[in-house]
Amino acid sequence: MLNFANFTQPEPGSPALTMLAAMMSQVPSLTPADIEQMMPLWNRQVRLKRGDFLIGEGQTEQHLYFVVDGTMRIYLPTPDEDICVGFAYANTMVTSVPSFLGNKPSEYCIQALRQCELLAIGRTDWLNLTEQNDNFARFWRKEMERSVLGLIERQIDLLLPEPQQRLDRVRNRSPRLFQLIPKKYIASYLRMTPETLSRLR
């Protein structure tokens, strides 16, 4: 089981829900009525301490999360090392995507790098919303397209032989990472040692 405290119910009009509503209101395809329909479904609040796991290897992801505060790493555990494949930070959504979409055990772990606060919507509620509401279906399709494009960019990053090229591409694409994420995890994401990253920076 996950080692964070039980879910709690967010208070109506709480800063976390206000932040989520503000983020979703920036999505061109969503109307105020769509957002009003969605908000009660984000009915769980999670707080993690540094080092806590949102999901561990072998668990099946049953929630989509909105990060209110904090930073997280997404990594693939292997016998030799933890391979960092992504990050999440405030005002972004996170889940173990293959597990969430396929309803199967996750190969990935999501771990808090510092204290985090998140809102959660259940998998069934979210998928029902995207099936019943055309605007949310368009939003979700766009998010999946963005994820695929991100994976392609990630593959290109890893194929580049020069560490400096990898660093420059990620820095241009996601400058916030270098303000929020510890260097050793960025180095893992870039498939280089922390010492190499320090020399390049």
N, C-alpha and C. Protein backbone atom coordinates (compact mmCIF):
# COMPACT_ATOMS: atom_id res chain seq x y z
N MET A 1 0.84 -1.20 0.00
CA MET A 1 0.00 0.00 0.00
C MET A 1 0.88 1.25 0.00
N LEU A 2 0.27 2.36 -0.46
CA LEU A 2 0.97 3.63 -0.42
C LEU A 2 1.19 4.06 1.03
N ASN A 3 2.29 4.78 1.24
CA ASN A 3 2.62 5.14 2.61
C ASN A 3 2.29 6.60 2.93
N PHE A 4 1.21 7.14 2.30
CA PHE A 4 0.74 8.45 2.72
C PHE A 4 -0.58 8.30 3.47
N ALA A 5 -0.93 9.36 4.20
CA ALA A 5 -2.14 9.32 5.00
C ALA A 5 -3.36 9.16 4.11
N ASN A 6 -4.45 8.75 4.69
CA ASN A 6 -5.69 8.56 3.94
C ASN A 6 -6.09 9.84 3.20
N PHE A 7 -6.80 9.63 2.09
CA PHE A 7 -7.36 10.76 1.38
C PHE A 7 -8.26 11.56 2.31
N THR A 8 -8.31 12.86 2.11
CA THR A 8 -9.28 13.69 2.80
C THR A 8 -10.15 14.39 1.76
N GLN A 9 -11.27 14.91 2.20
CA GLN A 9 -12.20 15.61 1.30
C GLN A 9 -11.81 17.08 1.26
N PRO A 10 -11.54 17.64 0.07
CA PRO A 10 -11.22 19.07 0.03
C PRO A 10 -12.44 19.91 0.37
N GLU A 11 -12.21 21.01 1.05
CA GLU A 11 -13.30 21.92 1.39
C GLU A 11 -13.77 22.65 0.14
N PRO A 12 -15.07 22.78 -0.08
CA PRO A 12 -15.56 23.56 -1.23
C PRO A 12 -14.97 24.97 -1.21
N GLY A 13 -14.50 25.42 -2.37
CA GLY A 13 -13.91 26.75 -2.46
C GLY A 13 -12.52 26.85 -1.88
N SER A 14 -11.89 25.71 -1.59
CA SER A 14 -10.54 25.73 -1.02
C SER A 14 -9.55 26.28 -2.05
N PRO A 15 -8.40 26.79 -1.57
CA PRO A 15 -7.39 27.29 -2.51
C PRO A 15 -6.97 26.24 -3.55
N ALA A 16 -6.92 24.96 -3.13
CA ALA A 16 -6.52 23.91 -4.08
C ALA A 16 -7.54 23.78 -5.21
N LEU A 17 -8.82 23.75 -4.88
CA LEU A 17 -9.86 23.66 -5.91
C LEU A 17 -9.91 24.91 -6.76
N THR A 18 -9.69 26.06 -6.15
CA THR A 18 -9.65 27.32 -6.90
C THR A 18 -8.52 27.30 -7.92
N MET A 19 -7.37 26.78 -7.51
CA MET A 19 -6.21 26.69 -8.40
C MET A 19 -6.51 25.76 -9.57
N LEU A 20 -7.14 24.62 -9.29
CA LEU A 20 -7.50 23.68 -10.35
C LEU A 20 -8.49 24.31 -11.32
N ALA A 21 -9.51 24.97 -10.79
CA ALA A 21 -10.50 25.60 -11.65
C ALA A 21 -9.87 26.67 -12.54
N ALA A 22 -8.93 27.43 -11.98
CA ALA A 22 -8.25 28.47 -12.75
C ALA A 22 -7.43 27.86 -13.88
N MET A 23 -6.75 26.75 -13.59
CA MET A 23 -5.96 26.09 -14.63
C MET A 23 -6.86 25.56 -15.74
N MET A 24 -7.96 24.91 -15.38
CA MET A 24 -8.85 24.34 -16.38
C MET A 24 -9.58 25.42 -17.17
N SER A 25 -9.79 26.58 -16.58
CA SER A 25 -10.47 27.66 -17.29
C SER A 25 -9.63 28.21 -18.43
N GLN A 26 -8.34 27.90 -18.42
CA GLN A 26 -7.46 28.33 -19.51
C GLN A 26 -7.50 27.40 -20.71
N VAL A 27 -8.20 26.26 -20.58
CA VAL A 27 -8.32 25.31 -21.68
C VAL A 27 -9.39 25.82 -22.64
N PRO A 28 -9.03 26.13 -23.90
CA PRO A 28 -9.99 26.77 -24.80
C PRO A 28 -11.27 25.97 -25.03
N SER A 29 -11.19 24.66 -25.00
CA SER A 29 -12.37 23.84 -25.34
C SER A 29 -13.36 23.70 -24.19
N LEU A 30 -12.99 24.14 -22.98
CA LEU A 30 -13.86 23.93 -21.82
C LEU A 30 -14.63 25.20 -21.48
N THR A 31 -15.91 25.03 -21.21
CA THR A 31 -16.78 26.14 -20.83
C THR A 31 -16.90 26.20 -19.31
N PRO A 32 -17.39 27.33 -18.78
CA PRO A 32 -17.65 27.37 -17.33
C PRO A 32 -18.58 26.25 -16.86
N ALA A 33 -19.55 25.87 -17.69
CA ALA A 33 -20.45 24.77 -17.31
C ALA A 33 -19.70 23.45 -17.24
N ASP A 34 -18.75 23.24 -18.16
CA ASP A 34 -17.94 22.02 -18.13
C ASP A 34 -17.15 21.95 -16.82
N ILE A 35 -16.52 23.05 -16.46
CA ILE A 35 -15.70 23.07 -15.26
C ILE A 35 -16.56 22.87 -14.02
N GLU A 36 -17.74 23.47 -14.00
CA GLU A 36 -18.66 23.28 -12.89
C GLU A 36 -19.06 21.80 -12.75
N GLN A 37 -19.24 21.14 -13.90
CA GLN A 37 -19.58 19.72 -13.89
C GLN A 37 -18.43 18.88 -13.33
N MET A 38 -17.22 19.28 -13.63
CA MET A 38 -16.05 18.50 -13.27
C MET A 38 -15.64 18.64 -11.81
N MET A 39 -15.75 19.84 -11.26
CA MET A 39 -15.13 20.13 -9.97
C MET A 39 -15.54 19.19 -8.83
N PRO A 40 -16.82 18.81 -8.69
CA PRO A 40 -17.16 17.92 -7.56
C PRO A 40 -16.49 16.54 -7.65
N LEU A 41 -16.03 16.16 -8.85
CA LEU A 41 -15.41 14.86 -9.02
C LEU A 41 -13.98 14.81 -8.48
N TRP A 42 -13.37 15.99 -8.33
CA TRP A 42 -12.04 16.05 -7.71
C TRP A 42 -12.26 16.08 -6.19
N ASN A 43 -12.65 14.94 -5.65
CA ASN A 43 -13.16 14.89 -4.29
C ASN A 43 -12.21 14.27 -3.29
N ARG A 44 -10.94 14.18 -3.66
CA ARG A 44 -9.95 13.65 -2.72
C ARG A 44 -8.72 14.54 -2.73
N GLN A 45 -8.18 14.74 -1.56
CA GLN A 45 -6.98 15.55 -1.38
C GLN A 45 -5.91 14.68 -0.75
N VAL A 46 -4.69 14.81 -1.25
CA VAL A 46 -3.58 13.99 -0.78
C VAL A 46 -2.43 14.90 -0.35
N ARG A 47 -1.82 14.56 0.77
CA ARG A 47 -0.60 15.25 1.20
C ARG A 47 0.50 14.21 1.36
N LEU A 48 1.63 14.48 0.75
CA LEU A 48 2.77 13.59 0.81
C LEU A 48 3.94 14.27 1.49
N LYS A 49 4.68 13.51 2.24
CA LYS A 49 5.95 14.00 2.77
C LYS A 49 7.05 13.67 1.76
N ARG A 50 8.17 14.33 1.90
CA ARG A 50 9.32 14.03 1.05
C ARG A 50 9.67 12.54 1.15
N GLY A 51 9.80 11.90 -0.01
CA GLY A 51 10.13 10.48 -0.06
C GLY A 51 8.94 9.56 -0.15
N ASP A 52 7.72 10.08 0.13
CA ASP A 52 6.52 9.26 0.01
C ASP A 52 6.25 8.91 -1.45
N PHE A 53 5.62 7.77 -1.65
CA PHE A 53 5.26 7.32 -2.99
C PHE A 53 3.79 7.57 -3.27
N LEU A 54 3.52 8.19 -4.40
CA LEU A 54 2.14 8.32 -4.87
C LEU A 54 1.67 6.99 -5.43
N ILE A 55 2.55 6.32 -6.16
CA ILE A 55 2.29 4.97 -6.64
C ILE A 55 3.62 4.23 -6.72
N GLY A 56 3.58 2.95 -6.43
CA GLY A 56 4.78 2.12 -6.49
C GLY A 56 4.67 1.09 -7.59
N GLU A 57 5.79 0.52 -7.93
CA GLU A 57 5.84 -0.54 -8.94
C GLU A 57 4.88 -1.67 -8.56
N GLY A 58 4.08 -2.12 -9.52
CA GLY A 58 3.17 -3.22 -9.28
C GLY A 58 1.79 -2.83 -8.81
N GLN A 59 1.60 -1.56 -8.43
CA GLN A 59 0.28 -1.09 -8.04
C GLN A 59 -0.47 -0.61 -9.28
N THR A 60 -1.78 -0.69 -9.24
CA THR A 60 -2.59 -0.25 -10.37
C THR A 60 -3.14 1.14 -10.08
N GLU A 61 -2.87 2.05 -11.00
CA GLU A 61 -3.25 3.45 -10.80
C GLU A 61 -4.75 3.63 -10.98
N GLN A 62 -5.40 4.17 -9.97
CA GLN A 62 -6.84 4.38 -10.01
C GLN A 62 -7.23 5.85 -9.92
N HIS A 63 -6.24 6.74 -10.04
CA HIS A 63 -6.52 8.17 -9.93
C HIS A 63 -5.69 8.98 -10.92
N LEU A 64 -6.24 10.11 -11.28
CA LEU A 64 -5.50 11.17 -11.97
C LEU A 64 -5.34 12.28 -10.95
N TYR A 65 -4.16 12.89 -10.90
CA TYR A 65 -3.85 13.87 -9.87
C TYR A 65 -3.52 15.23 -10.48
N PHE A 66 -3.90 16.25 -9.74
CA PHE A 66 -3.50 17.63 -10.03
C PHE A 66 -2.57 18.07 -8.92
N VAL A 67 -1.37 18.52 -9.29
CA VAL A 67 -0.37 18.92 -8.29
C VAL A 67 -0.64 20.36 -7.88
N VAL A 68 -1.01 20.55 -6.63
CA VAL A 68 -1.25 21.88 -6.09
C VAL A 68 0.08 22.51 -5.67
N ASP A 69 0.93 21.72 -5.05
CA ASP A 69 2.22 22.22 -4.56
C ASP A 69 3.17 21.05 -4.45
N GLY A 70 4.47 21.33 -4.65
CA GLY A 70 5.48 20.30 -4.51
C GLY A 70 6.03 19.82 -5.84
N THR A 71 7.01 18.94 -5.77
CA THR A 71 7.64 18.35 -6.95
C THR A 71 7.73 16.85 -6.78
N MET A 72 7.66 16.13 -7.91
CA MET A 72 7.68 14.68 -7.90
C MET A 72 8.53 14.18 -9.06
N ARG A 73 9.07 13.00 -8.87
CA ARG A 73 9.79 12.35 -9.97
C ARG A 73 9.05 11.08 -10.37
N ILE A 74 9.08 10.79 -11.67
CA ILE A 74 8.53 9.56 -12.21
C ILE A 74 9.72 8.73 -12.69
N TYR A 75 9.84 7.51 -12.18
CA TYR A 75 11.02 6.74 -12.55
C TYR A 75 10.70 5.26 -12.71
N LEU A 76 11.57 4.62 -13.49
CA LEU A 76 11.50 3.18 -13.71
C LEU A 76 12.57 2.52 -12.84
N PRO A 77 12.17 1.71 -11.86
CA PRO A 77 13.18 1.04 -11.03
C PRO A 77 13.79 -0.15 -11.77
N THR A 78 15.10 -0.23 -11.76
CA THR A 78 15.80 -1.38 -12.35
C THR A 78 16.80 -1.87 -11.32
N PRO A 79 17.33 -3.08 -11.49
CA PRO A 79 18.30 -3.59 -10.51
C PRO A 79 19.53 -2.71 -10.34
N ASP A 80 19.92 -2.01 -11.40
CA ASP A 80 21.15 -1.22 -11.34
C ASP A 80 20.92 0.21 -10.90
N GLU A 81 19.78 0.78 -11.29
CA GLU A 81 19.54 2.19 -10.99
C GLU A 81 18.06 2.51 -11.19
N ASP A 82 17.66 3.64 -10.63
CA ASP A 82 16.35 4.19 -10.90
C ASP A 82 16.47 5.13 -12.10
N ILE A 83 15.75 4.83 -13.17
CA ILE A 83 15.85 5.63 -14.40
C ILE A 83 14.72 6.65 -14.40
N CYS A 84 15.09 7.91 -14.25
CA CYS A 84 14.10 8.98 -14.20
C CYS A 84 13.55 9.24 -15.59
N VAL A 85 12.23 9.25 -15.71
CA VAL A 85 11.59 9.45 -17.01
C VAL A 85 10.74 10.70 -17.07
N GLY A 86 10.54 11.37 -15.95
CA GLY A 86 9.73 12.59 -15.98
C GLY A 86 9.56 13.19 -14.60
N PHE A 87 8.91 14.35 -14.58
CA PHE A 87 8.71 15.09 -13.34
C PHE A 87 7.31 15.69 -13.34
N ALA A 88 6.84 16.03 -12.16
CA ALA A 88 5.60 16.77 -12.01
C ALA A 88 5.81 17.86 -10.98
N TYR A 89 5.16 18.99 -11.17
CA TYR A 89 5.27 20.10 -10.23
C TYR A 89 3.97 20.87 -10.26
N ALA A 90 3.88 21.93 -9.47
CA ALA A 90 2.63 22.63 -9.26
C ALA A 90 1.98 23.04 -10.58
N ASN A 91 0.66 22.90 -10.62
CA ASN A 91 -0.18 23.29 -11.76
C ASN A 91 -0.04 22.34 -12.94
N THR A 92 0.37 21.10 -12.67
CA THR A 92 0.40 20.07 -13.71
C THR A 92 -0.38 18.85 -13.21
N MET A 93 -0.74 17.98 -14.16
CA MET A 93 -1.40 16.73 -13.82
C MET A 93 -0.39 15.59 -13.91
N VAL A 94 -0.61 14.57 -13.09
CA VAL A 94 0.31 13.44 -13.09
C VAL A 94 -0.46 12.16 -12.78
N THR A 95 -0.02 11.09 -13.37
CA THR A 95 -0.50 9.74 -13.08
C THR A 95 0.49 8.78 -13.73
N SER A 96 0.42 7.52 -13.38
CA SER A 96 1.17 6.51 -14.12
C SER A 96 0.35 6.18 -15.35
N VAL A 97 0.66 6.84 -16.46
CA VAL A 97 -0.22 6.82 -17.63
C VAL A 97 -0.51 5.40 -18.14
N PRO A 98 0.49 4.55 -18.37
CA PRO A 98 0.16 3.20 -18.87
C PRO A 98 -0.76 2.43 -17.94
N SER A 99 -0.56 2.58 -16.64
CA SER A 99 -1.40 1.89 -15.67
C SER A 99 -2.81 2.47 -15.66
N PHE A 100 -2.89 3.80 -15.69
CA PHE A 100 -4.18 4.49 -15.65
C PHE A 100 -5.02 4.16 -16.88
N LEU A 101 -4.39 4.17 -18.05
CA LEU A 101 -5.13 3.91 -19.29
C LEU A 101 -5.45 2.43 -19.45
N GLY A 102 -4.51 1.58 -19.10
CA GLY A 102 -4.69 0.14 -19.32
C GLY A 102 -5.27 -0.62 -18.16
N ASN A 103 -5.44 0.07 -17.00
CA ASN A 103 -5.95 -0.57 -15.79
C ASN A 103 -5.13 -1.82 -15.46
N LYS A 104 -3.80 -1.63 -15.46
CA LYS A 104 -2.88 -2.73 -15.20
C LYS A 104 -1.80 -2.26 -14.23
N PRO A 105 -1.06 -3.19 -13.62
CA PRO A 105 -0.02 -2.78 -12.67
C PRO A 105 1.02 -1.85 -13.31
N SER A 106 1.44 -0.88 -12.53
CA SER A 106 2.40 0.11 -13.02
C SER A 106 3.82 -0.42 -12.98
N GLU A 107 4.56 -0.12 -14.03
CA GLU A 107 6.00 -0.41 -14.03
C GLU A 107 6.79 0.76 -13.45
N TYR A 108 6.11 1.88 -13.26
CA TYR A 108 6.77 3.10 -12.83
C TYR A 108 6.42 3.43 -11.39
N CYS A 109 7.27 4.23 -10.77
CA CYS A 109 7.03 4.78 -9.44
C CYS A 109 6.92 6.30 -9.56
N ILE A 110 6.08 6.87 -8.72
CA ILE A 110 5.99 8.33 -8.63
C ILE A 110 6.25 8.69 -7.18
N GLN A 111 7.29 9.49 -6.95
CA GLN A 111 7.77 9.76 -5.59
C GLN A 111 7.89 11.27 -5.36
N ALA A 112 7.48 11.69 -4.18
CA ALA A 112 7.59 13.10 -3.81
C ALA A 112 9.05 13.46 -3.53
N LEU A 113 9.51 14.53 -4.16
CA LEU A 113 10.86 15.03 -3.91
C LEU A 113 10.87 16.04 -2.76
N ARG A 114 9.72 16.59 -2.46
CA ARG A 114 9.52 17.40 -1.26
C ARG A 114 8.04 17.32 -0.91
N GLN A 115 7.65 17.97 0.15
CA GLN A 115 6.26 17.90 0.57
C GLN A 115 5.33 18.31 -0.57
N CYS A 116 4.29 17.52 -0.78
CA CYS A 116 3.38 17.76 -1.90
C CYS A 116 1.94 17.79 -1.43
N GLU A 117 1.15 18.57 -2.14
CA GLU A 117 -0.30 18.57 -1.98
C GLU A 117 -0.92 18.33 -3.34
N LEU A 118 -1.87 17.41 -3.41
CA LEU A 118 -2.50 17.05 -4.68
C LEU A 118 -4.01 16.90 -4.51
N LEU A 119 -4.72 17.09 -5.60
CA LEU A 119 -6.12 16.72 -5.69
C LEU A 119 -6.23 15.50 -6.59
N ALA A 120 -7.22 14.65 -6.32
CA ALA A 120 -7.36 13.42 -7.09
C ALA A 120 -8.80 13.25 -7.58
N ILE A 121 -8.90 12.70 -8.80
CA ILE A 121 -10.17 12.28 -9.36
C ILE A 121 -10.05 10.80 -9.68
N GLY A 122 -11.08 10.03 -9.39
CA GLY A 122 -11.05 8.60 -9.64
C GLY A 122 -11.01 8.29 -11.13
N ARG A 123 -10.37 7.20 -11.47
CA ARG A 123 -10.25 6.78 -12.86
C ARG A 123 -11.61 6.63 -13.53
N THR A 124 -12.54 5.97 -12.87
CA THR A 124 -13.87 5.76 -13.44
C THR A 124 -14.58 7.09 -13.68
N ASP A 125 -14.50 8.00 -12.69
CA ASP A 125 -15.13 9.31 -12.85
C ASP A 125 -14.54 10.07 -14.03
N TRP A 126 -13.20 10.03 -14.15
CA TRP A 126 -12.56 10.78 -15.24
C TRP A 126 -12.92 10.19 -16.59
N LEU A 127 -12.86 8.89 -16.73
CA LEU A 127 -13.16 8.27 -18.02
C LEU A 127 -14.63 8.45 -18.39
N ASN A 128 -15.52 8.38 -17.40
CA ASN A 128 -16.93 8.65 -17.68
C ASN A 128 -17.13 10.08 -18.15
N LEU A 129 -16.42 11.01 -17.54
CA LEU A 129 -16.51 12.42 -17.93
C LEU A 129 -16.07 12.61 -19.38
N THR A 130 -14.97 11.97 -19.76
CA THR A 130 -14.49 12.13 -21.14
C THR A 130 -15.37 11.40 -22.15
N GLU A 131 -16.12 10.41 -21.70
CA GLU A 131 -17.04 9.72 -22.60
C GLU A 131 -18.36 10.46 -22.76
N GLN A 132 -18.77 11.17 -21.73
CA GLN A 132 -20.08 11.80 -21.74
C GLN A 132 -20.05 13.26 -22.16
N ASN A 133 -18.89 13.89 -22.08
CA ASN A 133 -18.77 15.31 -22.36
C ASN A 133 -17.78 15.49 -23.51
N ASP A 134 -18.28 15.98 -24.65
CA ASP A 134 -17.43 16.10 -25.84
C ASP A 134 -16.26 17.07 -25.62
N ASN A 135 -16.49 18.11 -24.83
CA ASN A 135 -15.41 19.07 -24.59
C ASN A 135 -14.28 18.45 -23.79
N PHE A 136 -14.62 17.63 -22.80
CA PHE A 136 -13.58 16.95 -22.05
C PHE A 136 -12.92 15.86 -22.89
N ALA A 137 -13.67 15.26 -23.79
CA ALA A 137 -13.07 14.27 -24.70
C ALA A 137 -12.01 14.94 -25.56
N ARG A 138 -12.31 16.15 -26.06
CA ARG A 138 -11.31 16.88 -26.86
C ARG A 138 -10.10 17.26 -26.02
N PHE A 139 -10.35 17.72 -24.81
CA PHE A 139 -9.24 18.08 -23.92
C PHE A 139 -8.34 16.87 -23.66
N TRP A 140 -8.94 15.72 -23.35
CA TRP A 140 -8.16 14.53 -23.03
C TRP A 140 -7.39 14.04 -24.25
N ARG A 141 -8.01 14.12 -25.42
CA ARG A 141 -7.31 13.73 -26.65
C ARG A 141 -6.10 14.64 -26.88
N LYS A 142 -6.26 15.94 -26.66
CA LYS A 142 -5.15 16.87 -26.81
C LYS A 142 -4.03 16.55 -25.81
N GLU A 143 -4.42 16.21 -24.59
CA GLU A 143 -3.41 15.86 -23.59
C GLU A 143 -2.64 14.61 -23.98
N MET A 144 -3.35 13.62 -24.53
CA MET A 144 -2.69 12.40 -24.97
C MET A 144 -1.78 12.67 -26.16
N GLU A 145 -2.22 13.55 -27.06
CA GLU A 145 -1.37 13.93 -28.20
C GLU A 145 -0.11 14.62 -27.70
N ARG A 146 -0.29 15.50 -26.71
CA ARG A 146 0.86 16.20 -26.15
C ARG A 146 1.83 15.23 -25.49
N SER A 147 1.28 14.21 -24.84
CA SER A 147 2.13 13.19 -24.21
C SER A 147 2.93 12.41 -25.24
N VAL A 148 2.27 12.07 -26.36
CA VAL A 148 2.98 11.34 -27.43
C VAL A 148 4.09 12.19 -28.01
N LEU A 149 3.81 13.46 -28.26
CA LEU A 149 4.85 14.35 -28.78
C LEU A 149 5.99 14.49 -27.78
N GLY A 150 5.65 14.53 -26.50
CA GLY A 150 6.70 14.59 -25.49
C GLY A 150 7.57 13.35 -25.48
N LEU A 151 6.96 12.19 -25.70
CA LEU A 151 7.72 10.94 -25.76
C LEU A 151 8.67 10.95 -26.97
N ILE A 152 8.20 11.49 -28.08
CA ILE A 152 9.07 11.57 -29.26
C ILE A 152 10.26 12.48 -28.98
N GLU A 153 9.99 13.64 -28.36
CA GLU A 153 11.08 14.54 -28.00
C GLU A 153 12.05 13.85 -27.05
N ARG A 154 11.51 13.09 -26.13
CA ARG A 154 12.35 12.37 -25.17
C ARG A 154 13.23 11.35 -25.87
N GLN A 155 12.68 10.63 -26.85
CA GLN A 155 13.48 9.66 -27.60
C GLN A 155 14.61 10.34 -28.34
N ILE A 156 14.32 11.49 -28.92
CA ILE A 156 15.38 12.24 -29.61
C ILE A 156 16.47 12.64 -28.63
N ASP A 157 16.05 13.14 -27.46
CA ASP A 157 17.03 13.51 -26.44
C ASP A 157 18.00 12.36 -26.16
N LEU A 158 17.44 11.18 -25.96
CA LEU A 158 18.26 10.03 -25.57
C LEU A 158 19.14 9.53 -26.70
N LEU A 159 18.75 9.80 -27.95
CA LEU A 159 19.55 9.33 -29.09
C LEU A 159 20.72 10.25 -29.40
N LEU A 160 20.67 11.48 -28.89
CA LEU A 160 21.77 12.40 -29.17
C LEU A 160 23.03 11.96 -28.44
N PRO A 161 24.15 11.86 -29.14
CA PRO A 161 25.37 11.34 -28.49
C PRO A 161 26.04 12.34 -27.56
N GLU A 162 25.85 13.64 -27.80
CA GLU A 162 26.56 14.64 -27.01
C GLU A 162 25.72 15.08 -25.81
N PRO A 163 26.28 14.97 -24.61
CA PRO A 163 25.54 15.40 -23.42
C PRO A 163 25.08 16.86 -23.49
N GLN A 164 25.91 17.72 -24.07
CA GLN A 164 25.54 19.13 -24.16
C GLN A 164 24.28 19.33 -25.00
N GLN A 165 24.14 18.55 -26.08
CA GLN A 165 22.94 18.64 -26.90
C GLN A 165 21.70 18.23 -26.12
N ARG A 166 21.83 17.15 -25.36
CA ARG A 166 20.71 16.69 -24.55
C ARG A 166 20.29 17.76 -23.54
N LEU A 167 21.29 18.34 -22.87
CA LEU A 167 21.02 19.36 -21.88
C LEU A 167 20.34 20.57 -22.52
N ASP A 168 20.86 21.03 -23.64
CA ASP A 168 20.31 22.23 -24.28
C ASP A 168 18.87 22.03 -24.72
N ARG A 169 18.56 20.85 -25.24
CA ARG A 169 17.18 20.59 -25.68
C ARG A 169 16.21 20.61 -24.50
N VAL A 170 16.59 19.96 -23.42
CA VAL A 170 15.70 19.91 -22.27
C VAL A 170 15.60 21.28 -21.61
N ARG A 171 16.69 21.99 -21.54
CA ARG A 171 16.67 23.33 -20.95
C ARG A 171 15.77 24.27 -21.75
N ASN A 172 15.82 24.17 -23.07
CA ASN A 172 14.97 25.03 -23.90
C ASN A 172 13.49 24.63 -23.79
N ARG A 173 13.25 23.34 -23.65
CA ARG A 173 11.87 22.84 -23.62
C ARG A 173 11.23 23.02 -22.24
N SER A 174 12.02 22.83 -21.18
CA SER A 174 11.47 22.84 -19.82
C SER A 174 12.41 23.57 -18.87
N PRO A 175 12.54 24.88 -19.02
CA PRO A 175 13.49 25.61 -18.15
C PRO A 175 13.14 25.53 -16.67
N ARG A 176 11.85 25.32 -16.34
CA ARG A 176 11.45 25.28 -14.93
C ARG A 176 12.10 24.10 -14.19
N LEU A 177 12.42 23.03 -14.91
CA LEU A 177 13.02 21.87 -14.25
C LEU A 177 14.26 22.27 -13.47
N PHE A 178 15.04 23.17 -14.03
CA PHE A 178 16.33 23.51 -13.45
C PHE A 178 16.18 24.43 -12.24
N GLN A 179 14.98 24.94 -12.03
CA GLN A 179 14.70 25.74 -10.84
C GLN A 179 14.07 24.89 -9.73
N LEU A 180 13.44 23.77 -10.11
CA LEU A 180 12.62 23.02 -9.16
C LEU A 180 13.18 21.66 -8.77
N ILE A 181 13.95 21.03 -9.65
CA ILE A 181 14.32 19.63 -9.47
C ILE A 181 15.80 19.52 -9.08
N PRO A 182 16.14 18.71 -8.08
CA PRO A 182 17.55 18.51 -7.72
C PRO A 182 18.38 17.98 -8.89
N LYS A 183 19.63 18.40 -8.91
CA LYS A 183 20.52 18.12 -10.04
C LYS A 183 20.67 16.63 -10.31
N LYS A 184 20.72 15.80 -9.26
CA LYS A 184 20.98 14.38 -9.50
C LYS A 184 19.84 13.72 -10.28
N TYR A 185 18.61 14.22 -10.10
CA TYR A 185 17.49 13.63 -10.83
C TYR A 185 17.44 14.14 -12.27
N ILE A 186 17.82 15.38 -12.47
CA ILE A 186 17.92 15.89 -13.85
C ILE A 186 19.01 15.12 -14.59
N ALA A 187 20.12 14.84 -13.92
CA ALA A 187 21.19 14.07 -14.55
C ALA A 187 20.69 12.69 -14.96
N SER A 188 19.94 12.02 -14.09
CA SER A 188 19.37 10.71 -14.43
C SER A 188 18.45 10.82 -15.63
N TYR A 189 17.62 11.87 -15.66
CA TYR A 189 16.70 12.08 -16.77
C TYR A 189 17.47 12.26 -18.08
N LEU A 190 18.62 12.93 -17.99
CA LEU A 190 19.43 13.19 -19.18
C LEU A 190 20.40 12.05 -19.50
N ARG A 191 20.37 11.00 -18.67
CA ARG A 191 21.25 9.84 -18.86
C ARG A 191 22.72 10.24 -18.84
N MET A 192 23.08 10.95 -17.78
CA MET A 192 24.47 11.33 -17.57
C MET A 192 24.72 11.38 -16.07
N THR A 193 25.96 11.48 -15.66
CA THR A 193 26.28 11.55 -14.25
C THR A 193 26.06 12.98 -13.75
N PRO A 194 25.82 13.16 -12.45
CA PRO A 194 25.71 14.51 -11.91
C PRO A 194 26.97 15.33 -12.15
N GLU A 195 28.12 14.67 -12.15
CA GLU A 195 29.39 15.41 -12.39
C GLU A 195 29.42 15.96 -13.80
N THR A 196 28.95 15.16 -14.78
CA THR A 196 28.91 15.64 -16.16
C THR A 196 27.96 16.82 -16.27
N LEU A 197 26.80 16.73 -15.64
CA LEU A 197 25.83 17.82 -15.69
C LEU A 197 26.42 19.08 -15.08
N SER A 198 27.14 18.95 -13.97
CA SER A 198 27.74 20.12 -13.32
C SER A 198 28.76 20.78 -14.24
N ARG A 199 29.55 20.00 -14.95
CA ARG A 199 30.53 20.57 -15.87
C ARG A 199 29.85 21.31 -17.01
N LEU A 200 28.75 20.76 -17.51
CA LEU A 200 28.07 21.38 -18.64
C LEU A 200 27.37 22.67 -18.23
N ARG A 201 26.80 22.68 -17.05
CA ARG A 201 26.08 23.86 -16.59
C ARG A 201 27.05 24.98 -16.29
